[in-house]
PDB file of N, CA and C in Angstrom:
ATOM      1  N   MET A   1      -7.489   0.676 -19.973  1.00  0.00           N
ATOM      2  CA  MET A   1      -6.400   0.412 -19.647  1.00  0.00           C
ATOM      3  C   MET A   1      -5.786  -0.701 -20.266  1.00  0.00           C
ATOM      4  N   ILE A   2      -5.061  -1.259 -20.466  1.00  0.00           N
ATOM      5  CA  ILE A   2      -4.169  -2.900 -20.927  1.00  0.00           C
ATOM      6  C   ILE A   2      -4.421  -3.374 -19.741  1.00  0.00           C
ATOM      7  N   LEU A   3      -4.351  -5.210 -20.062  1.00  0.00           N
ATOM      8  CA  LEU A   3      -3.846  -5.830 -19.305  1.00  0.00           C
ATOM      9  C   LEU A   3      -3.141  -5.296 -17.950  1.00  0.00           C
ATOM     10  N   LYS A   4      -1.545  -5.221 -18.246  1.00  0.00           N
ATOM     11  CA  LYS A   4      -0.434  -5.766 -18.049  1.00  0.00           C
ATOM     12  C   LYS A   4      -0.488  -3.869 -17.575  1.00  0.00           C
ATOM     13  N   ASP A   5      -0.781  -2.925 -17.595  1.00  0.00           N
ATOM     14  CA  ASP A   5      -0.956  -1.997 -16.939  1.00  0.00           C
ATOM     15  C   ASP A   5      -1.519  -2.113 -15.079  1.00  0.00           C
ATOM     16  N   ALA A   6      -2.863  -2.811 -15.681  1.00  0.00           N
ATOM     17  CA  ALA A   6      -4.021  -2.562 -14.754  1.00  0.00           C
ATOM     18  C   ALA A   6      -3.222  -4.221 -13.523  1.00  0.00           C
ATOM     19  N   LEU A   7      -2.228  -4.837 -14.511  1.00  0.00           N
ATOM     20  CA  LEU A   7      -1.833  -5.936 -13.262  1.00  0.00           C
ATOM     21  C   LEU A   7      -0.554  -4.322 -12.043  1.00  0.00           C
ATOM     22  N   LEU A   8      -0.091  -4.290 -13.338  1.00  0.00           N
ATOM     23  CA  LEU A   8       0.910  -3.984 -13.027  1.00  0.00           C
ATOM     24  C   LEU A   8       0.708  -2.702 -11.297  1.00  0.00           C
ATOM     25  N   CYS A   9      -0.468  -1.867 -11.386  1.00  0.00           N
ATOM     26  CA  CYS A   9      -1.294  -0.911 -10.669  1.00  0.00           C
ATOM     27  C   CYS A   9      -1.380  -1.673  -9.904  1.00  0.00           C
ATOM     28  N   GLY A  10      -2.130  -2.587  -9.895  1.00  0.00           N
ATOM     29  CA  GLY A  10      -2.574  -4.247  -9.074  1.00  0.00           C
ATOM     30  C   GLY A  10      -1.494  -4.750  -7.985  1.00  0.00           C
ATOM     31  N   GLY A  11      -0.425  -4.864  -8.254  1.00  0.00           N
ATOM     32  CA  GLY A  11       0.858  -5.358  -7.900  1.00  0.00           C
ATOM     33  C   GLY A  11       1.473  -4.005  -6.740  1.00  0.00           C
ATOM     34  N   PHE A  12       1.179  -2.762  -7.170  1.00  0.00           N
ATOM     35  CA  PHE A  12       1.684  -1.832  -6.184  1.00  0.00           C
ATOM     36  C   PHE A  12       0.724  -1.738  -5.416  1.00  0.00           C
ATOM     37  N   SER A  13      -0.039  -1.509  -5.894  1.00  0.00           N
ATOM     38  CA  SER A  13      -1.803  -1.570  -4.434  1.00  0.00           C
ATOM     39  C   SER A  13      -1.651  -2.966  -3.657  1.00  0.00           C
ATOM     40  N   LEU A  14      -1.139  -3.904  -3.548  1.00  0.00           N
ATOM     41  CA  LEU A  14      -1.203  -4.854  -2.796  1.00  0.00           C
ATOM     42  C   LEU A  14       0.472  -5.146  -2.300  1.00  0.00           C
ATOM     43  N   ALA A  15       1.062  -3.968  -2.643  1.00  0.00           N
ATOM     44  CA  ALA A  15       2.502  -3.784  -1.900  1.00  0.00           C
ATOM     45  C   ALA A  15       3.040  -3.319  -0.940  1.00  0.00           C
ATOM     46  N   LEU A  16       1.764  -1.539  -0.864  1.00  0.00           N
ATOM     47  CA  LEU A  16       1.203  -1.064  -0.197  1.00  0.00           C
ATOM     48  C   LEU A  16       1.057  -1.192   1.203  1.00  0.00           C
ATOM     49  N   PRO A  17       0.025  -2.377   1.062  1.00  0.00           N
ATOM     50  CA  PRO A  17       0.506  -2.812   3.015  1.00  0.00           C
ATOM     51  C   PRO A  17       0.988  -3.614   3.250  1.00  0.00           C
ATOM     52  N   VAL A  18       1.915  -4.621   2.309  1.00  0.00           N
ATOM     53  CA  VAL A  18       3.460  -4.990   3.110  1.00  0.00           C
ATOM     54  C   VAL A  18       4.656  -3.911   3.113  1.00  0.00           C
ATOM     55  N   GLY A  19       4.699  -3.278   2.686  1.00  0.00           N
ATOM     56  CA  GLY A  19       5.656  -2.280   3.744  1.00  0.00           C
ATOM     57  C   GLY A  19       5.123  -1.957   4.754  1.00  0.00           C
ATOM     58  N   GLN A  20       3.377  -1.382   4.611  1.00  0.00           N
ATOM     59  CA  GLN A  20       3.054  -1.223   6.252  1.00  0.00           C
ATOM     60  C   GLN A  20       3.007  -1.883   7.153  1.00  0.00           C
ATOM     61  N   THR A  21       3.063  -3.190   6.683  1.00  0.00           N
ATOM     62  CA  THR A  21       2.931  -4.849   7.926  1.00  0.00           C
ATOM     63  C   THR A  21       4.750  -4.404   8.187  1.00  0.00           C
ATOM     64  N   LEU A  22       5.999  -4.407   7.491  1.00  0.00           N
ATOM     65  CA  LEU A  22       6.788  -4.332   8.261  1.00  0.00           C
ATOM     66  C   LEU A  22       7.160  -3.267   9.233  1.00  0.00           C
ATOM     67  N   PHE A  23       6.511  -1.967   8.526  1.00  0.00           N
ATOM     68  CA  PHE A  23       7.220  -1.207   9.735  1.00  0.00           C
ATOM     69  C   PHE A  23       6.234  -1.075  10.687  1.00  0.00           C
ATOM     70  N   LYS A  24       5.105  -1.812  10.829  1.00  0.00           N
ATOM     71  CA  LYS A  24       4.254  -2.329  12.342  1.00  0.00           C
ATOM     72  C   LYS A  24       4.974  -2.784  13.318  1.00  0.00           C
ATOM     73  N   PHE A  25       5.365  -4.475  12.500  1.00  0.00           N
ATOM     74  CA  PHE A  25       6.779  -5.065  13.102  1.00  0.00           C
ATOM     75  C   PHE A  25       7.986  -4.681  13.302  1.00  0.00           C
ATOM     76  N   ALA A  26       8.603  -3.739  12.149  1.00  0.00           N
ATOM     77  CA  ALA A  26      10.024  -2.987  13.223  1.00  0.00           C
ATOM     78  C   ALA A  26       9.308  -1.960  14.383  1.00  0.00           C
ATOM     79  N   ALA A  27       8.294  -1.746  14.230  1.00  0.00           N
ATOM     80  CA  ALA A  27       7.599  -0.624  15.842  1.00  0.00           C
ATOM     81  C   ALA A  27       8.138  -2.137  16.653  1.00  0.00           C
ATOM     82  N   VAL A  28       7.235  -2.606  16.463  1.00  0.00           N
ATOM     83  CA  VAL A  28       7.033  -4.145  17.575  1.00  0.00           C
ATOM     84  C   VAL A  28       8.528  -3.812  17.882  1.00  0.00           C
ATOM     85  N   ASN A  29       9.731  -4.834  16.698  1.00  0.00           N
ATOM     86  CA  ASN A  29      10.372  -4.882  17.453  1.00  0.00           C
ATOM     87  C   ASN A  29      11.087  -3.669  18.131  1.00  0.00           C
ATOM     88  N   ASN A  30      10.689  -3.128  18.110  1.00  0.00           N
ATOM     89  CA  ASN A  30      11.588  -1.477  18.466  1.00  0.00           C
ATOM     90  C   ASN A  30      11.882  -1.204  19.588  1.00  0.00           C
ATOM     91  N   ALA A  31      10.118  -1.816  21.078  1.00  0.00           N
ATOM     92  CA  ALA A  31      10.413  -1.764  21.777  1.00  0.00           C
ATOM     93  C   ALA A  31      11.016  -2.555  22.597  1.00  0.00           C
ATOM     94  N   LYS A  32      11.129  -4.062  22.315  1.00  0.00           N
ATOM     95  CA  LYS A  32      12.296  -5.189  22.323  1.00  0.00           C
ATOM     96  C   LYS A  32      14.028  -4.373  22.460  1.00  0.00           C
ATOM     97  N   LEU A  33      14.265  -3.916  22.182  1.00  0.00           N
ATOM     98  CA  LEU A  33      15.715  -3.952  21.551  1.00  0.00           C
ATOM     99  C   LEU A  33      16.337  -2.112  22.646  1.00  0.00           C
ATOM    100  N   GLN A  34      17.352  -2.689  22.428  1.00  0.00           N
ATOM    101  CA  GLN A  34      17.894  -1.600  23.849  1.00  0.00           C
ATOM    102  C   GLN A  34      18.980  -0.999  23.845  1.00  0.00           C
ATOM    103  N   GLY A  35      19.237   0.385  24.316  1.00  0.00           N
ATOM    104  CA  GLY A  35      20.160   1.176  23.409  1.00  0.00           C
ATOM    105  C   GLY A  35      19.717   2.184  22.779  1.00  0.00           C
ATOM    106  N   PRO A  36      20.674   3.379  22.145  1.00  0.00           N
ATOM    107  CA  PRO A  36      20.366   4.793  22.019  1.00  0.00           C
ATOM    108  C   PRO A  36      19.806   4.619  20.317  1.00  0.00           C
ATOM    109  N   LEU A  37      18.453   5.343  20.913  1.00  0.00           N
ATOM    110  CA  LEU A  37      18.011   5.434  18.943  1.00  0.00           C
ATOM    111  C   LEU A  37      18.628   5.087  18.169  1.00  0.00           C
ATOM    112  N   LEU A  38      19.859   5.551  18.043  1.00  0.00           N
ATOM    113  CA  LEU A  38      20.577   4.944  16.318  1.00  0.00           C
ATOM    114  C   LEU A  38      21.008   4.240  16.659  1.00  0.00           C
ATOM    115  N   VAL A  39      21.259   3.283  17.662  1.00  0.00           N
ATOM    116  CA  VAL A  39      22.228   1.900  18.131  1.00  0.00           C
ATOM    117  C   VAL A  39      20.366   0.856  17.788  1.00  0.00           C
ATOM    118  N   LYS A  40      19.078   1.360  17.845  1.00  0.00           N
ATOM    119  CA  LYS A  40      18.334   0.597  17.991  1.00  0.00           C
ATOM    120  C   LYS A  40      17.937   1.156  16.207  1.00  0.00           C
ATOM    121  N   LEU A  41      17.474   2.551  15.741  1.00  0.00           N
ATOM    122  CA  LEU A  41      16.973   2.014  13.956  1.00  0.00           C
ATOM    123  C   LEU A  41      18.061   0.346  13.520  1.00  0.00           C
ATOM    124  N   ILE A  42      19.081   0.745  13.351  1.00  0.00           N
ATOM    125  CA  ILE A  42      20.155   0.092  12.845  1.00  0.00           C
ATOM    126  C   ILE A  42      20.719  -0.910  13.144  1.00  0.00           C
ATOM    127  N   THR A  43      19.684  -1.494  14.194  1.00  0.00           N
ATOM    128  CA  THR A  43      20.040  -2.855  13.861  1.00  0.00           C
ATOM    129  C   THR A  43      18.456  -3.269  14.477  1.00  0.00           C
ATOM    130  N   ASN A  44      17.226  -3.158  13.746  1.00  0.00           N
ATOM    131  CA  ASN A  44      15.613  -3.360  13.512  1.00  0.00           C
ATOM    132  C   ASN A  44      15.714  -3.896  12.251  1.00  0.00           C
ATOM    133  N   VAL A  45      16.131  -5.094  12.294  1.00  0.00           N
ATOM    134  CA  VAL A  45      16.036  -5.739  10.936  1.00  0.00           C
ATOM    135  C   VAL A  45      14.878  -5.458  10.013  1.00  0.00           C
ATOM    136  N   PRO A  46      13.376  -5.648  10.815  1.00  0.00           N
ATOM    137  CA  PRO A  46      12.512  -5.358  10.032  1.00  0.00           C
ATOM    138  C   PRO A  46      12.047  -3.640   9.766  1.00  0.00           C
ATOM    139  N   LEU A  47      13.153  -2.907  10.438  1.00  0.00           N
ATOM    140  CA  LEU A  47      13.045  -1.524   9.809  1.00  0.00           C
ATOM    141  C   LEU A  47      13.504  -1.264   8.522  1.00  0.00           C
ATOM    142  N   LEU A  48      15.012  -1.821   8.495  1.00  0.00           N
ATOM    143  CA  LEU A  48      15.906  -2.044   7.048  1.00  0.00           C
ATOM    144  C   LEU A  48      15.084  -2.209   6.694  1.00  0.00           C
ATOM    145  N   GLY A  49      13.921  -4.096   6.329  1.00  0.00           N
ATOM    146  CA  GLY A  49      13.686  -4.686   5.424  1.00  0.00           C
ATOM    147  C   GLY A  49      12.319  -3.799   5.129  1.00  0.00           C
ATOM    148  N   ALA A  50      12.364  -3.083   5.654  1.00  0.00           N
ATOM    149  CA  ALA A  50      11.331  -1.609   5.847  1.00  0.00           C
ATOM    150  C   ALA A  50      11.791  -1.003   4.467  1.00  0.00           C
ATOM    151  N   PHE A  51      12.263  -0.383   4.744  1.00  0.00           N
ATOM    152  CA  PHE A  51      12.922   0.744   4.097  1.00  0.00           C
ATOM    153  C   PHE A  51      13.623   0.076   2.974  1.00  0.00           C
ATOM    154  N   ALA A  52      14.098  -1.397   2.635  1.00  0.00           N
ATOM    155  CA  ALA A  52      14.699  -1.542   1.398  1.00  0.00           C
ATOM    156  C   ALA A  52      12.948  -1.749   0.843  1.00  0.00           C
ATOM    157  N   TRP A  53      12.081  -2.464   1.299  1.00  0.00           N
ATOM    158  CA  TRP A  53      10.820  -2.538   0.645  1.00  0.00           C
ATOM    159  C   TRP A  53      11.031  -1.797  -0.601  1.00  0.00           C
ATOM    160  N   TYR A  54      10.245  -0.515   0.272  1.00  0.00           N
ATOM    161  CA  TYR A  54      10.262   1.041   0.088  1.00  0.00           C
ATOM    162  C   TYR A  54      10.751   1.364  -1.154  1.00  0.00           C
ATOM    163  N   GLY A  55      12.063   1.385  -1.130  1.00  0.00           N
ATOM    164  CA  GLY A  55      12.667   1.687  -1.979  1.00  0.00           C
ATOM    165  C   GLY A  55      12.157   0.896  -3.024  1.00  0.00           C
ATOM    166  N   LEU A  56      12.627  -0.199  -3.333  1.00  0.00           N
ATOM    167  CA  LEU A  56      12.152  -1.133  -4.148  1.00  0.00           C
ATOM    168  C   LEU A  56      10.643  -1.374  -5.607  1.00  0.00           C
ATOM    169  N   THR A  57       9.663  -0.897  -4.371  1.00  0.00           N
ATOM    170  CA  THR A  57       8.288  -0.007  -4.007  1.00  0.00           C
ATOM    171  C   THR A  57       8.187   1.330  -5.565  1.00  0.00           C
ATOM    172  N   ALA A  58       9.111   2.328  -4.773  1.00  0.00           N
ATOM    173  CA  ALA A  58       9.402   3.212  -5.228  1.00  0.00           C
ATOM    174  C   ALA A  58       9.884   3.015  -6.464  1.00  0.00           C
ATOM    175  N   LEU A  59      10.765   2.428  -6.733  1.00  0.00           N
ATOM    176  CA  LEU A  59      11.407   1.633  -8.364  1.00  0.00           C
ATOM    177  C   LEU A  59      10.582   1.756  -8.408  1.00  0.00           C
ATOM    178  N   PHE A  60       9.547   1.004  -8.599  1.00  0.00           N
ATOM    179  CA  PHE A  60       8.023   0.167  -9.285  1.00  0.00           C
ATOM    180  C   PHE A  60       7.623   1.400  -9.367  1.00  0.00           C
ATOM    181  N   TRP A  61       6.562   2.515  -8.464  1.00  0.00           N
ATOM    182  CA  TRP A  61       5.784   3.219  -8.886  1.00  0.00           C
ATOM    183  C   TRP A  61       6.729   4.179  -9.934  1.00  0.00           C
ATOM    184  N   PHE A  62       7.868   4.121 -10.339  1.00  0.00           N
ATOM    185  CA  PHE A  62       8.604   5.566 -11.270  1.00  0.00           C
ATOM    186  C   PHE A  62       8.142   4.203 -12.376  1.00  0.00           C
ATOM    187  N   TYR A  63       8.012   3.400 -12.484  1.00  0.00           N
ATOM    188  CA  TYR A  63       8.405   2.094 -13.999  1.00  0.00           C
ATOM    189  C   TYR A  63       7.124   2.543 -14.209  1.00  0.00           C
ATOM    190  N   ILE A  64       6.022   2.122 -13.192  1.00  0.00           N
ATOM    191  CA  ILE A  64       4.495   1.956 -13.609  1.00  0.00           C
ATOM    192  C   ILE A  64       3.951   3.608 -14.287  1.00  0.00           C
ATOM    193  N   LEU A  65       4.404   4.774 -13.633  1.00  0.00           N
ATOM    194  CA  LEU A  65       4.207   6.549 -14.061  1.00  0.00           C
ATOM    195  C   LEU A  65       5.010   6.267 -16.055  1.00  0.00           C
ATOM    196  N   THR A  66       5.828   5.306 -16.182  1.00  0.00           N
ATOM    197  CA  THR A  66       6.363   5.447 -17.019  1.00  0.00           C
ATOM    198  C   THR A  66       5.459   5.349 -18.191  1.00  0.00           C
ATOM    199  N   ARG A  67       4.082   4.586 -17.697  1.00  0.00           N
ATOM    200  CA  ARG A  67       3.528   3.718 -19.197  1.00  0.00           C
ATOM    201  C   ARG A  67       2.224   3.811 -18.809  1.00  0.00           C
ATOM    202  N   VAL A  68       1.779   5.031 -17.009  1.00  0.00           N
ATOM    203  CA  VAL A  68       0.242   4.661 -17.087  1.00  0.00           C
ATOM    204  C   VAL A  68       0.105   6.685 -16.300  1.00  0.00           C
ATOM    205  N   PRO A  69      -1.208   6.997 -16.447  1.00  0.00           N
ATOM    206  CA  PRO A  69      -1.305   8.134 -16.074  1.00  0.00           C
ATOM    207  C   PRO A  69      -1.374   8.546 -14.356  1.00  0.00           C
ATOM    208  N   LEU A  70      -0.694   9.116 -14.254  1.00  0.00           N
ATOM    209  CA  LEU A  70      -0.641   9.393 -11.828  1.00  0.00           C
ATOM    210  C   LEU A  70      -2.017   9.600 -11.687  1.00  0.00           C
ATOM    211  N   SER A  71      -2.916  10.150 -13.310  1.00  0.00           N
ATOM    212  CA  SER A  71      -4.285   9.781 -12.197  1.00  0.00           C
ATOM    213  C   SER A  71      -4.972   8.798 -12.278  1.00  0.00           C
ATOM    214  N   THR A  72      -4.448   7.821 -13.249  1.00  0.00           N
ATOM    215  CA  THR A  72      -5.303   6.610 -13.031  1.00  0.00           C
ATOM    216  C   THR A  72      -4.154   5.601 -12.163  1.00  0.00           C
ATOM    217  N   ALA A  73      -2.949   5.422 -12.006  1.00  0.00           N
ATOM    218  CA  ALA A  73      -2.025   4.773 -11.155  1.00  0.00           C
ATOM    219  C   ALA A  73      -2.554   4.893  -9.511  1.00  0.00           C
ATOM    220  N   TYR A  74      -2.407   6.033  -9.088  1.00  0.00           N
ATOM    221  CA  TYR A  74      -2.704   6.328  -8.131  1.00  0.00           C
ATOM    222  C   TYR A  74      -4.072   6.289  -7.807  1.00  0.00           C
ATOM    223  N   ALA A  75      -5.099   5.706  -8.969  1.00  0.00           N
ATOM    224  CA  ALA A  75      -6.185   5.554  -7.930  1.00  0.00           C
ATOM    225  C   ALA A  75      -6.349   4.571  -7.067  1.00  0.00           C
ATOM    226  N   PHE A  76      -5.180   3.474  -7.979  1.00  0.00           N
ATOM    227  CA  PHE A  76      -5.525   2.073  -7.451  1.00  0.00           C
ATOM    228  C   PHE A  76      -4.928   2.175  -5.573  1.00  0.00           C
ATOM    229  N   SER A  77      -4.226   2.750  -5.604  1.00  0.00           N
ATOM    230  CA  SER A  77      -3.421   3.210  -3.995  1.00  0.00           C
ATOM    231  C   SER A  77      -4.340   3.305  -3.022  1.00  0.00           C
ATOM    232  N   ILE A  78      -5.937   3.250  -3.967  1.00  0.00           N
ATOM    233  CA  ILE A  78      -6.946   3.294  -2.803  1.00  0.00           C
ATOM    234  C   ILE A  78      -7.570   1.674  -2.164  1.00  0.00           C
ATOM    235  N   VAL A  79      -7.471   0.836  -3.530  1.00  0.00           N
ATOM    236  CA  VAL A  79      -7.270  -0.504  -2.978  1.00  0.00           C
ATOM    237  C   VAL A  79      -6.351  -0.882  -1.983  1.00  0.00           C
ATOM    238  N   GLY A  80      -5.057   0.131  -2.234  1.00  0.00           N
ATOM    239  CA  GLY A  80      -4.471  -0.725  -1.448  1.00  0.00           C
ATOM    240  C   GLY A  80      -4.457  -0.158   0.377  1.00  0.00           C
ATOM    241  N   SER A  81      -4.972   0.702   0.252  1.00  0.00           N
ATOM    242  CA  SER A  81      -5.266   1.960   1.432  1.00  0.00           C
ATOM    243  C   SER A  81      -5.699   1.305   2.309  1.00  0.00           C
ATOM    244  N   GLY A  82      -7.182   0.098   1.768  1.00  0.00           N
ATOM    245  CA  GLY A  82      -7.669  -0.306   2.469  1.00  0.00           C
ATOM    246  C   GLY A  82      -7.575  -1.424   3.279  1.00  0.00           C
ATOM    247  N   LEU A  83      -6.165  -2.492   3.020  1.00  0.00           N
ATOM    248  CA  LEU A  83      -6.511  -3.345   2.569  1.00  0.00           C
ATOM    249  C   LEU A  83      -5.401  -3.346   4.099  1.00  0.00           C
ATOM    250  N   VAL A  84      -4.571  -2.053   3.919  1.00  0.00           N
ATOM    251  CA  VAL A  84      -3.100  -2.057   5.548  1.00  0.00           C
ATOM    252  C   VAL A  84      -4.129  -2.459   6.716  1.00  0.00           C
ATOM    253  N   PRO A  85      -6.233  -1.661   7.117  1.00  0.00           N
ATOM    254  CA  PRO A  85      -6.310  -1.920   7.885  1.00  0.00           C
ATOM    255  C   PRO A  85      -6.731  -3.331   8.623  1.00  0.00           C
ATOM    256  N   LEU A  86      -7.232  -3.974   7.213  1.00  0.00           N
ATOM    257  CA  LEU A  86      -7.777  -5.004   7.255  1.00  0.00           C
ATOM    258  C   LEU A  86      -5.796  -6.037   7.806  1.00  0.00           C
ATOM    259  N   VAL A  87      -5.164  -5.880   7.227  1.00  0.00           N
ATOM    260  CA  VAL A  87      -4.027  -6.961   7.405  1.00  0.00           C
ATOM    261  C   VAL A  87      -3.477  -6.374   8.810  1.00  0.00           C
ATOM    262  N   ALA A  88      -4.505  -5.736   9.655  1.00  0.00           N
ATOM    263  CA  ALA A  88      -4.183  -4.791  10.835  1.00  0.00           C
ATOM    264  C   ALA A  88      -4.191  -5.777  11.544  1.00  0.00           C
ATOM    265  N   TRP A  89      -5.731  -5.952  11.163  1.00  0.00           N
ATOM    266  CA  TRP A  89      -7.076  -6.651  11.815  1.00  0.00           C
ATOM    267  C   TRP A  89      -6.064  -8.822  11.187  1.00  0.00           C
ATOM    268  N   TRP A  90      -5.746  -8.677  10.934  1.00  0.00           N
ATOM    269  CA  TRP A  90      -5.280 -10.263  10.936  1.00  0.00           C
ATOM    270  C   TRP A  90      -4.681 -10.436  11.064  1.00  0.00           C
ATOM    271  N   VAL A  91      -3.231 -10.318  11.241  1.00  0.00           N
ATOM    272  CA  VAL A  91      -1.892 -10.046  11.676  1.00  0.00           C
ATOM    273  C   VAL A  91      -1.340  -9.583  12.623  1.00  0.00           C
ATOM    274  N   PHE A  92      -2.290  -7.854  13.464  1.00  0.00           N
ATOM    275  CA  PHE A  92      -1.398  -8.122  14.343  1.00  0.00           C
ATOM    276  C   PHE A  92      -2.972  -8.266  15.523  1.00  0.00           C
ATOM    277  N   LYS A  93      -4.266  -8.452  14.580  1.00  0.00           N
ATOM    278  CA  LYS A  93      -4.979  -8.202  15.609  1.00  0.00           C
ATOM    279  C   LYS A  93      -6.049  -7.157  16.463  1.00  0.00           C
ATOM    280  N   GLU A  94      -6.005  -6.129  15.600  1.00  0.00           N
ATOM    281  CA  GLU A  94      -5.870  -4.946  15.436  1.00  0.00           C
ATOM    282  C   GLU A  94      -7.280  -4.636  15.441  1.00  0.00           C
ATOM    283  N   PRO A  95      -8.272  -4.149  16.270  1.00  0.00           N
ATOM    284  CA  PRO A  95      -9.444  -3.830  16.961  1.00  0.00           C
ATOM    285  C   PRO A  95     -10.648  -3.343  14.976  1.00  0.00           C
ATOM    286  N   LEU A  96     -11.385  -3.879  14.587  1.00  0.00           N
ATOM    287  CA  LEU A  96     -11.927  -3.644  12.926  1.00  0.00           C
ATOM    288  C   LEU A  96     -13.699  -4.124  13.694  1.00  0.00           C
ATOM    289  N   ASP A  97     -14.518  -2.345  12.954  1.00  0.00           N
ATOM    290  CA  ASP A  97     -15.789  -2.847  12.885  1.00  0.00           C
ATOM    291  C   ASP A  97     -16.725  -2.801  12.102  1.00  0.00           C
ATOM    292  N   TRP A  98     -18.053  -2.687  11.881  1.00  0.00           N
ATOM    293  CA  TRP A  98     -19.019  -2.577  10.314  1.00  0.00           C
ATOM    294  C   TRP A  98     -18.387  -1.192  10.182  1.00  0.00           C
ATOM    295  N   ARG A  99     -17.605  -0.042  10.259  1.00  0.00           N
ATOM    296  CA  ARG A  99     -17.423   1.566  10.003  1.00  0.00           C
ATOM    297  C   ARG A  99     -16.262   0.742   9.290  1.00  0.00           C
ATOM    298  N   PHE A 100     -15.788   0.367   9.195  1.00  0.00           N
ATOM    299  CA  PHE A 100     -14.408  -0.068   8.474  1.00  0.00           C
ATOM    300  C   PHE A 100     -14.749  -0.809   6.968  1.00  0.00           C
ATOM    301  N   LEU A 101     -15.913  -2.233   7.327  1.00  0.00           N
ATOM    302  CA  LEU A 101     -16.533  -2.115   5.530  1.00  0.00           C
ATOM    303  C   LEU A 101     -17.331  -1.637   4.889  1.00  0.00           C
ATOM    304  N   VAL A 102     -18.225  -0.222   6.323  1.00  0.00           N
ATOM    305  CA  VAL A 102     -18.596   0.287   4.957  1.00  0.00           C
ATOM    306  C   VAL A 102     -17.666   1.416   4.281  1.00  0.00           C
ATOM    307  N   GLY A 103     -16.923   2.021   5.038  1.00  0.00           N
ATOM    308  CA  GLY A 103     -15.859   2.709   4.349  1.00  0.00           C
ATOM    309  C   GLY A 103     -15.515   2.276   3.378  1.00  0.00           C
ATOM    310  N   TYR A 104     -14.543   0.979   3.099  1.00  0.00           N
ATOM    311  CA  TYR A 104     -13.611   0.134   2.579  1.00  0.00           C
ATOM    312  C   TYR A 104     -14.976   0.233   1.112  1.00  0.00           C
ATOM    313  N   LEU A 105     -16.120   0.137   1.479  1.00  0.00           N
ATOM    314  CA  LEU A 105     -16.902  -0.220   0.298  1.00  0.00           C
ATOM    315  C   LEU A 105     -17.197   0.814  -0.444  1.00  0.00           C
ATOM    316  N   MET A 106     -17.572   2.061   0.516  1.00  0.00           N
ATOM    317  CA  MET A 106     -17.510   3.470  -0.629  1.00  0.00           C
ATOM    318  C   MET A 106     -16.044   3.910  -0.993  1.00  0.00           C
ATOM    319  N   MET A 107     -14.980   3.583  -0.418  1.00  0.00           N
ATOM    320  CA  MET A 107     -13.534   3.505  -1.506  1.00  0.00           C
ATOM    321  C   MET A 107     -13.535   2.695  -2.365  1.00  0.00           C
ATOM    322  N   LEU A 108     -13.856   0.991  -2.852  1.00  0.00           N
ATOM    323  CA  LEU A 108     -14.142   0.841  -3.928  1.00  0.00           C
ATOM    324  C   LEU A 108     -14.595   1.284  -4.783  1.00  0.00           C
ATOM    325  N   GLY A 109     -16.029   1.705  -4.103  1.00  0.00           N
ATOM    326  CA  GLY A 109     -17.055   2.364  -5.409  1.00  0.00           C
ATOM    327  C   GLY A 109     -16.641   3.562  -5.620  1.00  0.00           C
ATOM    328  N   GLY A 110     -16.381   4.173  -5.223  1.00  0.00           N
ATOM    329  CA  GLY A 110     -15.080   5.721  -5.489  1.00  0.00           C
ATOM    330  C   GLY A 110     -13.692   4.826  -6.939  1.00  0.00           C
ATOM    331  N   PHE A 111     -13.191   3.511  -6.115  1.00  0.00           N
ATOM    332  CA  PHE A 111     -12.209   3.706  -6.780  1.00  0.00           C
ATOM    333  C   PHE A 111     -12.924   2.932  -8.816  1.00  0.00           C
ATOM    334  N   ALA A 112     -14.115   2.472  -8.683  1.00  0.00           N
ATOM    335  CA  ALA A 112     -14.888   2.186  -9.775  1.00  0.00           C
ATOM    336  C   ALA A 112     -15.522   3.054 -10.288  1.00  0.00           C
ATOM    337  N   VAL A 113     -16.197   4.279  -9.841  1.00  0.00           N
ATOM    338  CA  VAL A 113     -16.679   5.275 -10.589  1.00  0.00           C
ATOM    339  C   VAL A 113     -14.936   6.045 -11.524  1.00  0.00           C
ATOM    340  N   ILE A 114     -14.032   5.693 -10.342  1.00  0.00           N
ATOM    341  CA  ILE A 114     -13.039   6.850 -11.443  1.00  0.00           C
ATOM    342  C   ILE A 114     -12.280   6.075 -12.304  1.00  0.00           C
ATOM    343  N   MET A 115     -12.654   4.600 -12.491  1.00  0.00           N
ATOM    344  CA  MET A 115     -11.671   3.721 -13.344  1.00  0.00           C
ATOM    345  C   MET A 115     -13.004   3.333 -14.507  1.00  0.00           C
ATOM    346  N   GLN A 116     -14.460   4.154 -14.729  1.00  0.00           N
ATOM    347  CA  GLN A 116     -15.458   3.823 -15.477  1.00  0.00           C
ATOM    348  C   GLN A 116     -14.690   5.346 -15.904  1.00  0.00           C
ATOM    349  N   GLY A 117     -14.552   6.452 -15.775  1.00  0.00           N
ATOM    350  CA  GLY A 117     -13.938   8.153 -15.955  1.00  0.00           C
ATOM    351  C   GLY A 117     -13.170   8.423 -16.737  1.00  0.00           C
ATOM    352  N   GLN A 118     -12.238   7.187 -16.463  1.00  0.00           N
ATOM    353  CA  GLN A 118     -11.146   6.686 -16.954  1.00  0.00           C
ATOM    354  C   GLN A 118     -10.918   6.095 -18.840  1.00  0.00           C
ATOM    355  N   GLN A 119     -11.971   5.522 -18.333  1.00  0.00           N
ATOM    356  CA  GLN A 119     -11.925   4.521 -19.469  1.00  0.00           C
ATOM    357  C   GLN A 119     -12.934   4.950 -20.426  1.00  0.00           C
ATOM    358  N   ALA A 120     -14.124   6.208 -19.645  1.00  0.00           N
ATOM    359  CA  ALA A 120     -14.841   7.415 -20.831  1.00  0.00           C
ATOM    360  C   ALA A 120     -14.061   8.162 -21.619  1.00  0.00           C
ATOM    361  N   LEU A 121     -12.672   8.615 -20.511  1.00  0.00           N
ATOM    362  CA  LEU A 121     -11.487   9.654 -21.117  1.00  0.00           C
ATOM    363  C   LEU A 121     -10.281   8.917 -22.278  1.00  0.00           C
ATOM    364  N   SER A 122     -10.676   7.447 -21.882  1.00  0.00           N
ATOM    365  CA  SER A 122      -9.410   7.321 -23.411  1.00  0.00           C
ATOM    366  C   SER A 122     -10.176   6.446 -24.495  1.00  0.00           C
ATOM    367  N   ARG A 123     -11.290   7.082 -24.329  1.00  0.00           N
ATOM    368  CA  ARG A 123     -12.031   5.982 -25.320  1.00  0.00           C
ATOM    369  C   ARG A 123     -12.265   7.330 -26.500  1.00  0.00           C
ATOM    370  N   GLY A 124     -12.638   8.509 -25.771  1.00  0.00           N
ATOM    371  CA  GLY A 124     -12.479   9.784 -26.693  1.00  0.00           C
ATOM    372  C   GLY A 124     -14.281  10.137 -26.148  1.00  0.00           C
TER     373      GLY A 124
END
């Protein structure tokens, strides 16, 4: 994998927790809004931002997939998915314990194995 593709995939993995954080802000904001559900949905600015972010990241993902095999690119989502609970802990003060750390380290180990396998396959 060339550096540019790795950076693109890494950028996408960082975009995932941003989107999830926007959705959480939208959920918190939703509790403060009044009126019928449809009115709450269209006046929830963080929710509209989350949808816009996901639209942009979908286009970003499409671009990545024009350059990188899905099996390689998707492995980067492991890194991003694991960052979501860290962001939840940091921003929203949600609890985490040692099991998260152990599980995330196992995920990162799996990511490393996948990347080594992809490199071996690309070398032939």
